[in-house]
Amino acid sequence: MQWKITVIYMLVMGLLSVILTVYDKVAAIKHKTRIPERSLLIIGLMGGAIPMFAAMQIIRHKTKKPKFMICLPLFGVLHLAAAILLFPLIIS
């Protein structure tokens, strides 16, 4: 049961991170209110790093910002490491 909750959580965080990334790109183009960088990074840290990084590459958003190009891959590696280490506990 715990693995289902974990998978659902990661899917929701991934979808949320992509939606917020695309929204921020559109807001930037239209000169509307943007999502703070700190908020985007927090969403990435909470589980959306890999999808957010992929979305940023695809739509070419914030790709020149070192904090995103360093932190998001780092968060992704940490998420994968945690998943590998915690996998035996989650499936039991």
Protein backbone atom coordinates (compact mmCIF):
# COMPACT_ATOMS: atom_id res chain seq x y z
CA MET A 1 0.00 0.00 0.00
CA GLN A 2 2.79 2.43 0.83
CA TRP A 3 4.34 2.04 -2.62
CA LYS A 4 1.04 3.07 -4.24
CA ILE A 5 0.93 6.22 -2.14
CA THR A 6 4.56 6.96 -3.00
CA VAL A 7 3.95 6.49 -6.72
CA ILE A 8 0.83 8.67 -6.65
CA TYR A 9 2.70 11.36 -4.71
CA MET A 10 5.58 11.39 -7.20
CA LEU A 11 3.18 11.53 -10.15
CA VAL A 12 1.24 14.42 -8.62
CA MET A 13 4.44 16.33 -7.80
CA GLY A 14 5.78 15.69 -11.29
CA LEU A 15 2.58 16.92 -12.93
CA LEU A 16 2.41 19.95 -10.64
CA SER A 17 6.03 20.86 -11.37
CA VAL A 18 5.46 20.71 -15.13
CA ILE A 19 2.25 22.76 -14.91
CA LEU A 20 3.95 25.43 -12.80
CA THR A 21 6.97 25.54 -15.11
CA VAL A 22 4.81 26.00 -18.20
CA TYR A 23 2.65 28.57 -16.39
CA ASP A 24 5.75 30.55 -15.40
CA LYS A 25 7.02 30.51 -18.99
CA VAL A 26 3.67 31.76 -20.31
CA ALA A 27 3.51 34.41 -17.58
CA ALA A 28 7.01 35.57 -18.51
CA ILE A 29 6.04 35.93 -22.16
CA LYS A 30 2.83 37.81 -21.32
CA HIS A 31 4.50 39.98 -18.63
CA LYS A 32 2.12 38.64 -15.98
CA THR A 33 2.74 37.72 -12.34
CA ARG A 34 5.44 35.05 -12.15
CA ILE A 35 6.02 32.16 -9.78
CA PRO A 36 8.95 32.93 -7.44
CA GLU A 37 12.10 30.95 -8.21
CA ARG A 38 12.21 29.79 -4.61
CA SER A 39 8.75 28.24 -4.96
CA LEU A 40 9.75 26.41 -8.13
CA LEU A 41 12.87 25.06 -6.43
CA ILE A 42 10.85 23.92 -3.41
CA ILE A 43 8.45 22.02 -5.68
CA GLY A 44 11.49 20.46 -7.34
CA LEU A 45 12.92 19.46 -3.98
CA MET A 46 9.59 17.96 -2.90
CA GLY A 47 9.64 15.47 -5.76
CA GLY A 48 9.18 17.31 -9.04
CA ALA A 49 12.82 17.87 -9.95
CA ILE A 50 13.17 15.42 -12.83
CA PRO A 51 9.94 16.36 -14.65
CA MET A 52 10.58 20.06 -13.99
CA PHE A 53 14.11 19.84 -15.39
CA ALA A 54 12.82 18.01 -18.47
CA ALA A 55 10.05 20.59 -18.99
CA MET A 56 12.52 23.46 -18.64
CA GLN A 57 14.74 21.89 -21.30
CA ILE A 58 11.82 21.29 -23.67
CA ILE A 59 10.29 24.76 -23.39
CA ARG A 60 13.68 26.47 -22.91
CA HIS A 61 12.75 28.17 -19.65
CA LYS A 62 15.31 29.15 -17.01
CA THR A 63 18.00 27.12 -18.76
CA LYS A 64 20.52 29.92 -18.22
CA LYS A 65 19.88 30.08 -14.47
CA PRO A 66 22.70 28.18 -12.72
CA LYS A 67 20.65 27.52 -9.59
CA PHE A 68 18.08 25.60 -11.66
CA MET A 69 20.59 23.81 -13.87
CA ILE A 70 22.55 22.66 -10.80
CA CYS A 71 19.88 22.18 -8.13
CA LEU A 72 17.26 20.31 -10.14
CA PRO A 73 19.61 17.56 -11.38
CA LEU A 74 21.05 17.32 -7.86
CA PHE A 75 17.56 16.97 -6.40
CA GLY A 76 16.78 14.34 -9.03
CA VAL A 77 19.84 12.30 -8.08
CA LEU A 78 18.88 12.57 -4.41
CA HIS A 79 15.32 11.41 -5.20
CA LEU A 80 16.60 8.42 -7.17
CA ALA A 81 19.08 7.51 -4.42
CA ALA A 82 16.33 7.75 -1.79
CA ALA A 83 14.02 5.61 -3.93
CA ILE A 84 16.69 2.92 -4.31
CA LEU A 85 17.54 2.94 -0.61
CA LEU A 86 13.93 3.04 0.58
CA PHE A 87 12.46 0.65 -2.00
CA PRO A 88 12.78 -2.43 0.25
CA LEU A 89 10.95 -0.59 3.05
CA ILE A 90 8.21 0.75 0.80
CA ILE A 91 7.25 -2.56 -0.79
CA SER A 92 7.07 -4.48 2.48
